[in-house]
Amino acid sequence: MAKLLLPWVSMRKIRRVNRLMDLPARWLGERHRVLLHDPLQALAAFGRDPEELAVALVHIALDRLESALPKRARQKRRV
């Protein structure tokens, strides 16, 4: 989805940012969003590169949208 919203950003950069932001999910599951999923934390982590920051902010927005969906709708979407 980030590539559709940010077509000028390379897929390599998008994958890197998404991987770093979701790394804590291995240990915390859905609760991983307490780390790096706040715009100020994203600014601190990715603020040196405007493209990475844009990817991080899109990632946060999409995760918040997904979290707002009922759990049943999230499961159907991933099938």
N, C-alpha and C. Protein backbone atom coordinates (compact mmCIF):
# COMPACT_ATOMS: atom_id res chain seq x y z
N MET A 1 0.82 -1.19 0.00
CA MET A 1 0.00 0.00 0.00
C MET A 1 0.87 1.26 0.00
N ALA A 2 1.99 1.23 0.71
CA ALA A 2 2.85 2.41 0.78
C ALA A 2 3.36 2.79 -0.61
N LYS A 3 3.63 1.80 -1.45
CA LYS A 3 4.12 2.09 -2.80
C LYS A 3 3.06 2.83 -3.61
N LEU A 4 1.79 2.52 -3.40
CA LEU A 4 0.73 3.24 -4.10
C LEU A 4 0.62 4.68 -3.63
N LEU A 5 0.82 4.89 -2.35
CA LEU A 5 0.70 6.23 -1.79
C LEU A 5 1.97 7.06 -1.96
N LEU A 6 3.11 6.36 -2.05
CA LEU A 6 4.41 7.04 -2.17
C LEU A 6 5.20 6.43 -3.34
N PRO A 7 4.74 6.63 -4.57
CA PRO A 7 5.36 5.93 -5.71
C PRO A 7 6.82 6.31 -5.97
N TRP A 8 7.28 7.44 -5.47
CA TRP A 8 8.65 7.87 -5.70
C TRP A 8 9.66 7.21 -4.75
N VAL A 9 9.17 6.53 -3.73
CA VAL A 9 10.04 5.89 -2.75
C VAL A 9 10.35 4.47 -3.23
N SER A 10 11.61 4.08 -3.13
CA SER A 10 12.01 2.75 -3.59
C SER A 10 11.41 1.67 -2.71
N MET A 11 11.16 0.51 -3.31
CA MET A 11 10.63 -0.63 -2.54
C MET A 11 11.64 -1.08 -1.50
N ARG A 12 12.90 -0.94 -1.79
CA ARG A 12 13.94 -1.31 -0.82
C ARG A 12 13.78 -0.50 0.47
N LYS A 13 13.57 0.79 0.29
CA LYS A 13 13.39 1.66 1.46
C LYS A 13 12.09 1.35 2.19
N ILE A 14 11.03 1.10 1.45
CA ILE A 14 9.74 0.77 2.06
C ILE A 14 9.85 -0.52 2.87
N ARG A 15 10.47 -1.55 2.29
CA ARG A 15 10.63 -2.81 3.00
C ARG A 15 11.47 -2.64 4.26
N ARG A 16 12.54 -1.85 4.16
CA ARG A 16 13.43 -1.63 5.30
C ARG A 16 12.68 -0.98 6.46
N VAL A 17 11.95 0.09 6.18
CA VAL A 17 11.22 0.80 7.23
C VAL A 17 10.14 -0.10 7.84
N ASN A 18 9.38 -0.79 6.99
CA ASN A 18 8.33 -1.67 7.51
C ASN A 18 8.91 -2.80 8.36
N ARG A 19 10.03 -3.35 7.92
CA ARG A 19 10.67 -4.43 8.68
C ARG A 19 11.13 -3.93 10.05
N LEU A 20 11.75 -2.75 10.08
CA LEU A 20 12.20 -2.19 11.35
C LEU A 20 11.04 -1.87 12.28
N MET A 21 9.98 -1.32 11.73
CA MET A 21 8.84 -0.95 12.56
C MET A 21 8.12 -2.17 13.11
N ASP A 22 8.10 -3.26 12.37
CA ASP A 22 7.38 -4.46 12.79
C ASP A 22 8.26 -5.49 13.48
N LEU A 23 9.54 -5.23 13.61
CA LEU A 23 10.45 -6.17 14.25
C LEU A 23 9.98 -6.59 15.66
N PRO A 24 9.52 -5.67 16.51
CA PRO A 24 9.05 -6.08 17.84
C PRO A 24 7.83 -7.00 17.82
N ALA A 25 7.15 -7.13 16.69
CA ALA A 25 5.97 -8.00 16.61
C ALA A 25 6.33 -9.45 16.88
N ARG A 26 7.57 -9.83 16.64
CA ARG A 26 8.00 -11.20 16.91
C ARG A 26 7.84 -11.56 18.38
N TRP A 27 8.03 -10.58 19.24
CA TRP A 27 7.98 -10.83 20.68
C TRP A 27 6.69 -10.31 21.32
N LEU A 28 6.15 -9.24 20.75
CA LEU A 28 5.00 -8.59 21.38
C LEU A 28 3.67 -8.83 20.68
N GLY A 29 3.68 -9.43 19.50
CA GLY A 29 2.45 -9.61 18.74
C GLY A 29 1.86 -8.26 18.35
N GLU A 30 0.53 -8.14 18.42
CA GLU A 30 -0.11 -6.88 18.05
C GLU A 30 0.30 -5.72 18.95
N ARG A 31 0.76 -6.05 20.16
CA ARG A 31 1.18 -4.99 21.08
C ARG A 31 2.48 -4.31 20.64
N HIS A 32 3.09 -4.81 19.56
CA HIS A 32 4.32 -4.18 19.08
C HIS A 32 4.10 -2.73 18.69
N ARG A 33 2.86 -2.37 18.51
CA ARG A 33 2.55 -1.01 18.06
C ARG A 33 2.79 0.04 19.14
N VAL A 34 3.14 -0.38 20.35
CA VAL A 34 3.50 0.59 21.37
C VAL A 34 4.90 1.15 21.11
N LEU A 35 5.67 0.47 20.26
CA LEU A 35 7.02 0.92 19.91
C LEU A 35 7.04 1.41 18.46
N LEU A 36 7.59 2.57 18.24
CA LEU A 36 7.79 3.16 16.91
C LEU A 36 6.50 3.47 16.16
N HIS A 37 5.35 3.29 16.76
CA HIS A 37 4.10 3.54 16.06
C HIS A 37 3.43 4.82 16.55
N ASP A 38 4.22 5.77 16.89
CA ASP A 38 3.78 7.10 17.28
C ASP A 38 4.54 8.07 16.37
N PRO A 39 3.89 9.09 15.85
CA PRO A 39 4.57 10.01 14.94
C PRO A 39 5.86 10.61 15.51
N LEU A 40 5.89 10.92 16.80
CA LEU A 40 7.12 11.49 17.38
C LEU A 40 8.24 10.46 17.43
N GLN A 41 7.90 9.20 17.75
CA GLN A 41 8.91 8.15 17.74
C GLN A 41 9.41 7.89 16.32
N ALA A 42 8.50 7.96 15.36
CA ALA A 42 8.89 7.78 13.96
C ALA A 42 9.82 8.91 13.52
N LEU A 43 9.52 10.12 13.96
CA LEU A 43 10.37 11.26 13.64
C LEU A 43 11.77 11.06 14.21
N ALA A 44 11.85 10.58 15.44
CA ALA A 44 13.15 10.34 16.07
C ALA A 44 13.92 9.24 15.34
N ALA A 45 13.21 8.20 14.91
CA ALA A 45 13.88 7.05 14.28
C ALA A 45 14.20 7.28 12.81
N PHE A 46 13.33 7.98 12.09
CA PHE A 46 13.47 8.09 10.64
C PHE A 46 13.54 9.53 10.13
N GLY A 47 13.65 10.48 11.02
CA GLY A 47 13.58 11.89 10.65
C GLY A 47 14.71 12.40 9.78
N ARG A 48 15.81 11.68 9.72
CA ARG A 48 16.93 12.14 8.89
C ARG A 48 16.66 11.97 7.41
N ASP A 49 15.77 11.07 7.07
CA ASP A 49 15.44 10.80 5.67
C ASP A 49 13.95 11.05 5.47
N PRO A 50 13.60 12.09 4.73
CA PRO A 50 12.17 12.43 4.55
C PRO A 50 11.36 11.30 3.92
N GLU A 51 11.96 10.52 3.02
CA GLU A 51 11.23 9.42 2.41
C GLU A 51 10.94 8.32 3.43
N GLU A 52 11.93 7.99 4.26
CA GLU A 52 11.71 6.98 5.30
C GLU A 52 10.67 7.45 6.30
N LEU A 53 10.71 8.72 6.64
CA LEU A 53 9.72 9.27 7.56
C LEU A 53 8.32 9.17 6.96
N ALA A 54 8.19 9.47 5.66
CA ALA A 54 6.89 9.37 5.00
C ALA A 54 6.38 7.93 5.02
N VAL A 55 7.28 6.97 4.77
CA VAL A 55 6.89 5.56 4.81
C VAL A 55 6.44 5.19 6.22
N ALA A 56 7.17 5.63 7.22
CA ALA A 56 6.83 5.31 8.61
C ALA A 56 5.46 5.89 8.97
N LEU A 57 5.18 7.11 8.55
CA LEU A 57 3.89 7.73 8.86
C LEU A 57 2.73 7.02 8.15
N VAL A 58 2.96 6.58 6.92
CA VAL A 58 1.94 5.80 6.21
C VAL A 58 1.73 4.47 6.93
N HIS A 59 2.81 3.84 7.36
CA HIS A 59 2.74 2.58 8.10
C HIS A 59 1.89 2.76 9.36
N ILE A 60 2.14 3.83 10.09
CA ILE A 60 1.39 4.11 11.32
C ILE A 60 -0.10 4.31 11.00
N ALA A 61 -0.38 5.09 9.98
CA ALA A 61 -1.78 5.36 9.61
C ALA A 61 -2.50 4.07 9.22
N LEU A 62 -1.84 3.22 8.43
CA LEU A 62 -2.46 1.96 8.01
C LEU A 62 -2.67 1.01 9.19
N ASP A 63 -1.69 0.96 10.10
CA ASP A 63 -1.86 0.12 11.28
C ASP A 63 -2.99 0.61 12.16
N ARG A 64 -3.13 1.91 12.29
CA ARG A 64 -4.24 2.46 13.10
C ARG A 64 -5.58 2.14 12.46
N LEU A 65 -5.63 2.23 11.14
CA LEU A 65 -6.86 1.86 10.44
C LEU A 65 -7.20 0.40 10.67
N GLU A 66 -6.19 -0.46 10.56
CA GLU A 66 -6.42 -1.89 10.77
C GLU A 66 -6.86 -2.17 12.20
N SER A 67 -6.26 -1.50 13.16
CA SER A 67 -6.62 -1.71 14.56
C SER A 67 -8.05 -1.26 14.84
N ALA A 68 -8.54 -0.30 14.08
CA ALA A 68 -9.89 0.20 14.28
C ALA A 68 -10.95 -0.76 13.74
N LEU A 69 -10.54 -1.65 12.84
CA LEU A 69 -11.47 -2.63 12.30
C LEU A 69 -11.81 -3.67 13.35
N PRO A 70 -13.02 -4.18 13.31
CA PRO A 70 -13.33 -5.29 14.20
C PRO A 70 -12.41 -6.47 13.89
N LYS A 71 -12.07 -7.25 14.89
CA LYS A 71 -11.12 -8.35 14.71
C LYS A 71 -11.58 -9.30 13.61
N ARG A 72 -12.85 -9.55 13.53
CA ARG A 72 -13.38 -10.46 12.51
C ARG A 72 -13.10 -9.93 11.10
N ALA A 73 -13.22 -8.63 10.90
CA ALA A 73 -12.97 -8.03 9.59
C ALA A 73 -11.49 -8.12 9.25
N ARG A 74 -10.61 -7.98 10.23
CA ARG A 74 -9.18 -8.10 9.99
C ARG A 74 -8.82 -9.50 9.51
N GLN A 75 -9.42 -10.51 10.12
CA GLN A 75 -9.13 -11.89 9.72
C GLN A 75 -9.61 -12.16 8.31
N LYS A 76 -10.77 -11.65 7.94
CA LYS A 76 -11.29 -11.87 6.59
C LYS A 76 -10.40 -11.21 5.55
N ARG A 77 -9.89 -10.03 5.86
CA ARG A 77 -9.08 -9.28 4.92
C ARG A 77 -7.78 -10.01 4.61
N ARG A 78 -7.25 -10.73 5.55
CA ARG A 78 -5.96 -11.39 5.37
C ARG A 78 -6.06 -12.74 4.67
N VAL A 79 -7.27 -13.22 4.47
CA VAL A 79 -7.45 -14.53 3.85
C VAL A 79 -7.09 -14.47 2.39
